[in-house]
PDB file of N, CA and C in Angstrom:
ATOM      1  N   MET A   1      -7.364  16.426  -3.848  1.00  0.00           N
ATOM      2  CA  MET A   1      -5.800  14.992  -3.279  1.00  0.00           C
ATOM      3  C   MET A   1      -5.568  15.526  -1.930  1.00  0.00           C
ATOM      4  N   ARG A   2      -5.398  15.411  -0.607  1.00  0.00           N
ATOM      5  CA  ARG A   2      -4.938  16.153   0.727  1.00  0.00           C
ATOM      6  C   ARG A   2      -3.394  15.754   0.332  1.00  0.00           C
ATOM      7  N   ASN A   3      -2.733  17.212   0.783  1.00  0.00           N
ATOM      8  CA  ASN A   3      -0.954  16.985   1.077  1.00  0.00           C
ATOM      9  C   ASN A   3      -0.558  16.706   2.044  1.00  0.00           C
ATOM     10  N   ASN A   4      -0.269  14.868   2.116  1.00  0.00           N
ATOM     11  CA  ASN A   4       0.385  14.106   2.788  1.00  0.00           C
ATOM     12  C   ASN A   4       2.075  13.906   2.289  1.00  0.00           C
ATOM     13  N   SER A   5       2.378  14.990   2.374  1.00  0.00           N
ATOM     14  CA  SER A   5       3.868  15.232   1.710  1.00  0.00           C
ATOM     15  C   SER A   5       4.954  14.904   3.057  1.00  0.00           C
ATOM     16  N   ILE A   6       4.190  15.134   4.636  1.00  0.00           N
ATOM     17  CA  ILE A   6       5.081  14.978   4.994  1.00  0.00           C
ATOM     18  C   ILE A   6       4.611  14.245   5.843  1.00  0.00           C
ATOM     19  N   TYR A   7       3.696  13.099   5.766  1.00  0.00           N
ATOM     20  CA  TYR A   7       3.139  11.592   6.307  1.00  0.00           C
ATOM     21  C   TYR A   7       4.117  10.642   5.646  1.00  0.00           C
ATOM     22  N   ILE A   8       4.298  10.724   4.293  1.00  0.00           N
ATOM     23  CA  ILE A   8       4.697  10.336   3.127  1.00  0.00           C
ATOM     24  C   ILE A   8       6.460  10.104   3.547  1.00  0.00           C
ATOM     25  N   THR A   9       6.522  11.195   3.842  1.00  0.00           N
ATOM     26  CA  THR A   9       8.334  11.559   3.911  1.00  0.00           C
ATOM     27  C   THR A   9       8.758  11.231   5.351  1.00  0.00           C
ATOM     28  N   PHE A  10       7.903  11.193   6.043  1.00  0.00           N
ATOM     29  CA  PHE A  10       8.383  10.588   7.711  1.00  0.00           C
ATOM     30  C   PHE A  10       7.860   8.365   7.460  1.00  0.00           C
ATOM     31  N   ASN A  11       7.334   7.868   6.906  1.00  0.00           N
ATOM     32  CA  ASN A  11       7.509   7.027   6.427  1.00  0.00           C
ATOM     33  C   ASN A  11       8.516   6.301   5.571  1.00  0.00           C
ATOM     34  N   ALA A  12       8.770   6.948   4.539  1.00  0.00           N
ATOM     35  CA  ALA A  12       9.728   6.883   3.774  1.00  0.00           C
ATOM     36  C   ALA A  12      10.744   6.433   4.952  1.00  0.00           C
ATOM     37  N   ALA A  13      11.364   7.009   5.696  1.00  0.00           N
ATOM     38  CA  ALA A  13      12.227   7.568   6.563  1.00  0.00           C
ATOM     39  C   ALA A  13      12.807   6.506   7.396  1.00  0.00           C
ATOM     40  N   ALA A  14      10.972   5.993   7.492  1.00  0.00           N
ATOM     41  CA  ALA A  14      10.976   5.021   8.834  1.00  0.00           C
ATOM     42  C   ALA A  14      11.518   3.811   8.030  1.00  0.00           C
ATOM     43  N   VAL A  15      11.495   3.669   7.165  1.00  0.00           N
ATOM     44  CA  VAL A  15      10.798   2.829   5.978  1.00  0.00           C
ATOM     45  C   VAL A  15      12.804   2.013   5.964  1.00  0.00           C
ATOM     46  N   ALA A  16      13.688   3.133   5.273  1.00  0.00           N
ATOM     47  CA  ALA A  16      15.068   3.364   5.278  1.00  0.00           C
ATOM     48  C   ALA A  16      15.679   2.617   6.374  1.00  0.00           C
ATOM     49  N   ALA A  17      15.205   3.829   7.513  1.00  0.00           N
ATOM     50  CA  ALA A  17      16.059   3.573   8.278  1.00  0.00           C
ATOM     51  C   ALA A  17      15.720   1.675   9.468  1.00  0.00           C
ATOM     52  N   ALA A  18      14.390   1.239   9.281  1.00  0.00           N
ATOM     53  CA  ALA A  18      14.874   0.473   9.334  1.00  0.00           C
ATOM     54  C   ALA A  18      15.112  -0.890   8.863  1.00  0.00           C
ATOM     55  N   TYR A  19      15.706  -0.539   6.984  1.00  0.00           N
ATOM     56  CA  TYR A  19      16.507  -1.779   6.382  1.00  0.00           C
ATOM     57  C   TYR A  19      17.807  -1.611   6.741  1.00  0.00           C
ATOM     58  N   VAL A  20      18.223  -0.488   6.890  1.00  0.00           N
ATOM     59  CA  VAL A  20      19.018  -0.010   7.609  1.00  0.00           C
ATOM     60  C   VAL A  20      19.881  -0.470   8.319  1.00  0.00           C
ATOM     61  N   MET A  21      18.920  -0.673   9.580  1.00  0.00           N
ATOM     62  CA  MET A  21      19.368  -1.380  10.826  1.00  0.00           C
ATOM     63  C   MET A  21      19.587  -3.217  10.444  1.00  0.00           C
ATOM     64  N   LEU A  22      18.346  -3.798   9.506  1.00  0.00           N
ATOM     65  CA  LEU A  22      18.261  -5.281   9.798  1.00  0.00           C
ATOM     66  C   LEU A  22      19.480  -5.431   8.927  1.00  0.00           C
ATOM     67  N   GLY A  23      20.162  -4.116   7.542  1.00  0.00           N
ATOM     68  CA  GLY A  23      20.671  -5.022   7.219  1.00  0.00           C
ATOM     69  C   GLY A  23      22.643  -5.039   7.497  1.00  0.00           C
ATOM     70  N   LEU A  24      22.224  -4.039   9.060  1.00  0.00           N
ATOM     71  CA  LEU A  24      23.471  -3.668  10.085  1.00  0.00           C
ATOM     72  C   LEU A  24      23.736  -5.181  10.395  1.00  0.00           C
ATOM     73  N   SER A  25      22.473  -5.393  11.422  1.00  0.00           N
ATOM     74  CA  SER A  25      21.871  -6.492  12.011  1.00  0.00           C
ATOM     75  C   SER A  25      22.324  -8.206  11.750  1.00  0.00           C
ATOM     76  N   LEU A  26      21.826  -7.619   9.525  1.00  0.00           N
ATOM     77  CA  LEU A  26      22.592  -8.768   9.233  1.00  0.00           C
ATOM     78  C   LEU A  26      24.047  -9.374   8.784  1.00  0.00           C
ATOM     79  N   TRP A  27      25.037  -7.736   8.469  1.00  0.00           N
ATOM     80  CA  TRP A  27      26.063  -8.010   8.666  1.00  0.00           C
ATOM     81  C   TRP A  27      26.177  -8.907   9.753  1.00  0.00           C
ATOM     82  N   LEU A  28      26.789  -7.855  11.028  1.00  0.00           N
ATOM     83  CA  LEU A  28      26.798  -7.830  12.007  1.00  0.00           C
ATOM     84  C   LEU A  28      27.163  -9.694  12.289  1.00  0.00           C
ATOM     85  N   ALA A  29      25.684 -10.502  12.452  1.00  0.00           N
ATOM     86  CA  ALA A  29      25.505 -11.221  12.732  1.00  0.00           C
ATOM     87  C   ALA A  29      26.361 -12.708  12.637  1.00  0.00           C
ATOM     88  N   PRO A  30      26.694 -13.300  14.207  1.00  0.00           N
ATOM     89  CA  PRO A  30      27.851 -14.166  14.072  1.00  0.00           C
ATOM     90  C   PRO A  30      27.510 -15.715  12.257  1.00  0.00           C
ATOM     91  N   ILE A  31      26.711 -15.045  11.990  1.00  0.00           N
ATOM     92  CA  ILE A  31      26.508 -16.690  10.840  1.00  0.00           C
ATOM     93  C   ILE A  31      27.363 -16.655   9.376  1.00  0.00           C
ATOM     94  N   ASN A  32      27.396 -17.649   9.491  1.00  0.00           N
ATOM     95  CA  ASN A  32      27.803 -17.938   7.537  1.00  0.00           C
ATOM     96  C   ASN A  32      27.582 -17.107   6.250  1.00  0.00           C
ATOM     97  N   ILE A  33      28.401 -16.675   5.357  1.00  0.00           N
ATOM     98  CA  ILE A  33      27.577 -15.552   4.647  1.00  0.00           C
ATOM     99  C   ILE A  33      25.895 -16.499   3.711  1.00  0.00           C
ATOM    100  N   ALA A  34      26.271 -18.120   3.688  1.00  0.00           N
ATOM    101  CA  ALA A  34      25.105 -18.751   2.518  1.00  0.00           C
ATOM    102  C   ALA A  34      23.341 -18.379   3.809  1.00  0.00           C
ATOM    103  N   THR A  35      24.034 -18.168   4.525  1.00  0.00           N
ATOM    104  CA  THR A  35      22.872 -18.289   5.606  1.00  0.00           C
ATOM    105  C   THR A  35      22.523 -17.258   5.678  1.00  0.00           C
ATOM    106  N   LYS A  36      23.230 -16.142   5.539  1.00  0.00           N
ATOM    107  CA  LYS A  36      23.293 -14.276   5.741  1.00  0.00           C
ATOM    108  C   LYS A  36      22.094 -14.051   4.456  1.00  0.00           C
ATOM    109  N   GLY A  37      22.896 -14.491   3.059  1.00  0.00           N
ATOM    110  CA  GLY A  37      21.984 -15.360   1.728  1.00  0.00           C
ATOM    111  C   GLY A  37      20.437 -15.504   1.703  1.00  0.00           C
ATOM    112  N   TYR A  38      20.397 -16.024   2.419  1.00  0.00           N
ATOM    113  CA  TYR A  38      19.152 -16.670   2.418  1.00  0.00           C
ATOM    114  C   TYR A  38      18.587 -16.152   3.523  1.00  0.00           C
ATOM    115  N   TRP A  39      18.792 -15.263   4.637  1.00  0.00           N
ATOM    116  CA  TRP A  39      17.458 -14.038   5.762  1.00  0.00           C
ATOM    117  C   TRP A  39      17.554 -12.928   4.801  1.00  0.00           C
ATOM    118  N   ALA A  40      18.537 -13.063   3.529  1.00  0.00           N
ATOM    119  CA  ALA A  40      18.695 -11.402   3.174  1.00  0.00           C
ATOM    120  C   ALA A  40      17.494 -11.787   1.531  1.00  0.00           C
ATOM    121  N   MET A  41      17.426 -12.396   0.842  1.00  0.00           N
ATOM    122  CA  MET A  41      16.163 -13.054   0.194  1.00  0.00           C
ATOM    123  C   MET A  41      15.152 -13.286   0.606  1.00  0.00           C
ATOM    124  N   GLY A  42      15.273 -13.312   1.895  1.00  0.00           N
ATOM    125  CA  GLY A  42      13.839 -13.495   2.213  1.00  0.00           C
ATOM    126  C   GLY A  42      13.487 -11.973   2.736  1.00  0.00           C
ATOM    127  N   VAL A  43      14.013 -11.243   3.247  1.00  0.00           N
ATOM    128  CA  VAL A  43      13.621  -9.868   3.167  1.00  0.00           C
ATOM    129  C   VAL A  43      12.931  -9.710   2.009  1.00  0.00           C
ATOM    130  N   LEU A  44      13.896  -9.348   0.739  1.00  0.00           N
ATOM    131  CA  LEU A  44      13.737  -8.953  -0.362  1.00  0.00           C
ATOM    132  C   LEU A  44      11.599  -9.680  -0.995  1.00  0.00           C
ATOM    133  N   LEU A  45      11.769 -11.280  -0.824  1.00  0.00           N
ATOM    134  CA  LEU A  45      11.183 -11.743  -1.298  1.00  0.00           C
ATOM    135  C   LEU A  45       9.370 -10.690  -0.161  1.00  0.00           C
ATOM    136  N   LEU A  46       9.997 -10.936   1.170  1.00  0.00           N
ATOM    137  CA  LEU A  46       8.415 -10.168   2.214  1.00  0.00           C
ATOM    138  C   LEU A  46       8.881  -9.416   1.974  1.00  0.00           C
ATOM    139  N   THR A  47       9.249  -7.911   1.044  1.00  0.00           N
ATOM    140  CA  THR A  47       9.477  -6.753   0.372  1.00  0.00           C
ATOM    141  C   THR A  47       8.177  -7.067  -0.891  1.00  0.00           C
ATOM    142  N   ALA A  48       8.155  -7.261  -1.134  1.00  0.00           N
ATOM    143  CA  ALA A  48       8.141  -7.754  -2.625  1.00  0.00           C
ATOM    144  C   ALA A  48       6.539  -8.321  -2.379  1.00  0.00           C
ATOM    145  N   SER A  49       6.241  -8.989  -1.629  1.00  0.00           N
ATOM    146  CA  SER A  49       4.883  -9.808  -1.384  1.00  0.00           C
ATOM    147  C   SER A  49       3.833  -8.013  -0.017  1.00  0.00           C
ATOM    148  N   LEU A  50       5.079  -7.800  -0.150  1.00  0.00           N
ATOM    149  CA  LEU A  50       3.318  -5.994   0.761  1.00  0.00           C
ATOM    150  C   LEU A  50       4.145  -5.467  -0.208  1.00  0.00           C
ATOM    151  N   VAL A  51       4.341  -5.402  -1.377  1.00  0.00           N
ATOM    152  CA  VAL A  51       4.532  -3.889  -2.408  1.00  0.00           C
ATOM    153  C   VAL A  51       3.219  -4.949  -2.687  1.00  0.00           C
ATOM    154  N   ASN A  52       2.625  -6.018  -3.307  1.00  0.00           N
ATOM    155  CA  ASN A  52       1.612  -6.284  -3.715  1.00  0.00           C
ATOM    156  C   ASN A  52       1.007  -6.507  -3.067  1.00  0.00           C
ATOM    157  N   LEU A  53       0.729  -7.343  -1.861  1.00  0.00           N
ATOM    158  CA  LEU A  53      -0.977  -6.572  -1.081  1.00  0.00           C
ATOM    159  C   LEU A  53      -1.128  -4.815  -0.417  1.00  0.00           C
ATOM    160  N   VAL A  54      -0.425  -4.654  -0.609  1.00  0.00           N
ATOM    161  CA  VAL A  54      -1.234  -3.020  -0.704  1.00  0.00           C
ATOM    162  C   VAL A  54      -1.079  -2.285  -1.770  1.00  0.00           C
ATOM    163  N   LYS A  55      -0.459  -2.428  -3.234  1.00  0.00           N
ATOM    164  CA  LYS A  55      -0.931  -2.608  -4.402  1.00  0.00           C
ATOM    165  C   LYS A  55      -1.858  -3.130  -4.309  1.00  0.00           C
ATOM    166  N   PHE A  56      -2.830  -4.410  -4.062  1.00  0.00           N
ATOM    167  CA  PHE A  56      -3.452  -4.925  -5.103  1.00  0.00           C
ATOM    168  C   PHE A  56      -4.894  -4.158  -3.803  1.00  0.00           C
ATOM    169  N   ARG A  57      -4.680  -3.858  -2.838  1.00  0.00           N
ATOM    170  CA  ARG A  57      -5.643  -3.588  -1.217  1.00  0.00           C
ATOM    171  C   ARG A  57      -6.149  -2.022  -2.502  1.00  0.00           C
ATOM    172  N   MET A  58      -5.411  -1.237  -2.825  1.00  0.00           N
ATOM    173  CA  MET A  58      -5.410   0.213  -3.148  1.00  0.00           C
ATOM    174  C   MET A  58      -6.177  -0.163  -4.362  1.00  0.00           C
ATOM    175  N   ASP A  59      -5.945  -0.974  -5.610  1.00  0.00           N
ATOM    176  CA  ASP A  59      -6.839  -1.136  -6.399  1.00  0.00           C
ATOM    177  C   ASP A  59      -8.342  -1.759  -6.163  1.00  0.00           C
ATOM    178  N   GLN A  60      -8.611  -2.084  -5.522  1.00  0.00           N
ATOM    179  CA  GLN A  60      -9.585  -2.887  -4.472  1.00  0.00           C
ATOM    180  C   GLN A  60     -10.024  -1.360  -4.270  1.00  0.00           C
ATOM    181  N   HIS A  61      -9.652  -0.699  -3.187  1.00  0.00           N
ATOM    182  CA  HIS A  61     -10.041  -0.206  -3.223  1.00  0.00           C
ATOM    183  C   HIS A  61     -11.352   0.715  -3.505  1.00  0.00           C
ATOM    184  N   ILE A  62     -10.352   1.289  -5.171  1.00  0.00           N
ATOM    185  CA  ILE A  62     -10.702   1.949  -6.009  1.00  0.00           C
ATOM    186  C   ILE A  62     -12.102   1.505  -6.703  1.00  0.00           C
ATOM    187  N   ALA A  63     -11.890   0.499  -6.643  1.00  0.00           N
ATOM    188  CA  ALA A  63     -12.742  -0.313  -7.456  1.00  0.00           C
ATOM    189  C   ALA A  63     -13.871  -0.170  -6.990  1.00  0.00           C
ATOM    190  N   ASP A  64     -13.975  -0.391  -6.011  1.00  0.00           N
ATOM    191  CA  ASP A  64     -14.846   0.036  -4.589  1.00  0.00           C
ATOM    192  C   ASP A  64     -15.832   1.114  -4.485  1.00  0.00           C
ATOM    193  N   ASP A  65     -14.414   1.819  -4.406  1.00  0.00           N
ATOM    194  CA  ASP A  65     -15.153   3.390  -4.410  1.00  0.00           C
ATOM    195  C   ASP A  65     -16.138   3.768  -5.647  1.00  0.00           C
ATOM    196  N   THR A  66     -14.668   3.478  -6.860  1.00  0.00           N
ATOM    197  CA  THR A  66     -16.203   3.284  -8.972  1.00  0.00           C
ATOM    198  C   THR A  66     -17.377   3.148  -8.347  1.00  0.00           C
ATOM    199  N   VAL A  67     -17.482   1.425  -8.278  1.00  0.00           N
ATOM    200  CA  VAL A  67     -18.343   1.081  -8.115  1.00  0.00           C
ATOM    201  C   VAL A  67     -19.633   1.499  -7.112  1.00  0.00           C
ATOM    202  N   SER A  68     -19.213   2.139  -6.285  1.00  0.00           N
ATOM    203  CA  SER A  68     -20.474   3.340  -5.649  1.00  0.00           C
ATOM    204  C   SER A  68     -20.520   4.232  -6.148  1.00  0.00           C
ATOM    205  N   ARG A  69     -19.224   5.221  -6.686  1.00  0.00           N
ATOM    206  CA  ARG A  69     -20.006   6.581  -7.212  1.00  0.00           C
ATOM    207  C   ARG A  69     -20.851   6.936  -7.939  1.00  0.00           C
ATOM    208  N   ILE A  70     -20.873   4.807  -9.162  1.00  0.00           N
ATOM    209  CA  ILE A  70     -21.613   4.992 -10.659  1.00  0.00           C
ATOM    210  C   ILE A  70     -23.221   5.064  -9.526  1.00  0.00           C
ATOM    211  N   GLU A  71     -23.091   4.032  -8.160  1.00  0.00           N
ATOM    212  CA  GLU A  71     -23.926   3.748  -7.781  1.00  0.00           C
ATOM    213  C   GLU A  71     -24.710   4.768  -6.833  1.00  0.00           C
ATOM    214  N   GLN A  72     -24.253   5.629  -6.623  1.00  0.00           N
ATOM    215  CA  GLN A  72     -25.018   6.926  -6.049  1.00  0.00           C
ATOM    216  C   GLN A  72     -25.611   7.995  -7.663  1.00  0.00           C
ATOM    217  N   ALA A  73     -24.673   8.302  -8.766  1.00  0.00           N
ATOM    218  CA  ALA A  73     -25.146   9.004  -9.378  1.00  0.00           C
ATOM    219  C   ALA A  73     -26.351   8.463 -10.004  1.00  0.00           C
ATOM    220  N   LYS A  74     -26.183   7.309 -10.425  1.00  0.00           N
ATOM    221  CA  LYS A  74     -27.203   5.917 -10.891  1.00  0.00           C
ATOM    222  C   LYS A  74     -28.686   6.194  -9.686  1.00  0.00           C
ATOM    223  N   ASN A  75     -28.525   6.636  -8.379  1.00  0.00           N
ATOM    224  CA  ASN A  75     -29.750   6.768  -7.924  1.00  0.00           C
ATOM    225  C   ASN A  75     -29.577   7.950  -8.018  1.00  0.00           C
ATOM    226  N   GLU A  76     -29.373   9.220  -8.164  1.00  0.00           N
ATOM    227  CA  GLU A  76     -29.314  10.456  -7.911  1.00  0.00           C
ATOM    228  C   GLU A  76     -29.830  10.957  -9.058  1.00  0.00           C
ATOM    229  N   LYS A  77     -30.252  10.224 -10.541  1.00  0.00           N
ATOM    230  CA  LYS A  77     -30.693  10.105 -11.836  1.00  0.00           C
ATOM    231  C   LYS A  77     -32.201  10.362 -11.735  1.00  0.00           C
ATOM    232  N   ILE A  78     -31.919   8.500 -11.539  1.00  0.00           N
ATOM    233  CA  ILE A  78     -33.298   7.911 -10.742  1.00  0.00           C
ATOM    234  C   ILE A  78     -34.012   8.884 -10.162  1.00  0.00           C
ATOM    235  N   LEU A  79     -33.157   9.676  -8.643  1.00  0.00           N
ATOM    236  CA  LEU A  79     -34.432  10.559  -7.818  1.00  0.00           C
ATOM    237  C   LEU A  79     -35.485  11.969  -8.923  1.00  0.00           C
ATOM    238  N   SER A  80     -33.433  12.627  -9.178  1.00  0.00           N
ATOM    239  CA  SER A  80     -33.974  14.074 -10.716  1.00  0.00           C
ATOM    240  C   SER A  80     -34.865  13.490 -11.220  1.00  0.00           C
ATOM    241  N   GLU A  81     -36.000  12.509 -12.288  1.00  0.00           N
ATOM    242  CA  GLU A  81     -36.572  11.948 -12.694  1.00  0.00           C
ATOM    243  C   GLU A  81     -37.722  11.655 -12.212  1.00  0.00           C
ATOM    244  N   TYR A  82     -37.597  11.105 -10.687  1.00  0.00           N
ATOM    245  CA  TYR A  82     -38.697  10.767 -10.389  1.00  0.00           C
ATOM    246  C   TYR A  82     -39.723  12.305  -9.903  1.00  0.00           C
ATOM    247  N   VAL A  83     -38.293  13.509  -9.402  1.00  0.00           N
ATOM    248  CA  VAL A  83     -38.972  14.727  -8.822  1.00  0.00           C
ATOM    249  C   VAL A  83     -39.472  15.454 -10.545  1.00  0.00           C
ATOM    250  N   ALA A  84     -38.725  14.999 -11.506  1.00  0.00           N
ATOM    251  CA  ALA A  84     -39.075  15.950 -12.421  1.00  0.00           C
ATOM    252  C   ALA A  84     -40.417  15.253 -13.675  1.00  0.00           C
ATOM    253  N   ARG A  85     -40.661  14.298 -12.616  1.00  0.00           N
ATOM    254  CA  ARG A  85     -42.166  13.611 -13.106  1.00  0.00           C
ATOM    255  C   ARG A  85     -43.387  14.542 -12.407  1.00  0.00           C
ATOM    256  N   ASP A  86     -43.138  14.822 -11.327  1.00  0.00           N
ATOM    257  CA  ASP A  86     -44.346  15.012  -9.983  1.00  0.00           C
ATOM    258  C   ASP A  86     -45.049  16.340 -10.803  1.00  0.00           C
TER     259      ASP A  86
END
């Protein structure tokens, strides 16, 4: 696996900064507490949806990669059997 620690750290810091800024803007917004709570729930549900979407896409990519590897191995076996037969 490739070393992506710098990329992951940068993205984690960016997400943390975005949540801090969003929380600060929500805290300072001139609206009542019920509206702030409603917006906060929306942010949390959107975050959960995005995490699920990324997980689904990653699982789909891994499944497609596995099928591709199986097909490639099958084709290599067929070719090697054909070459060995001659």
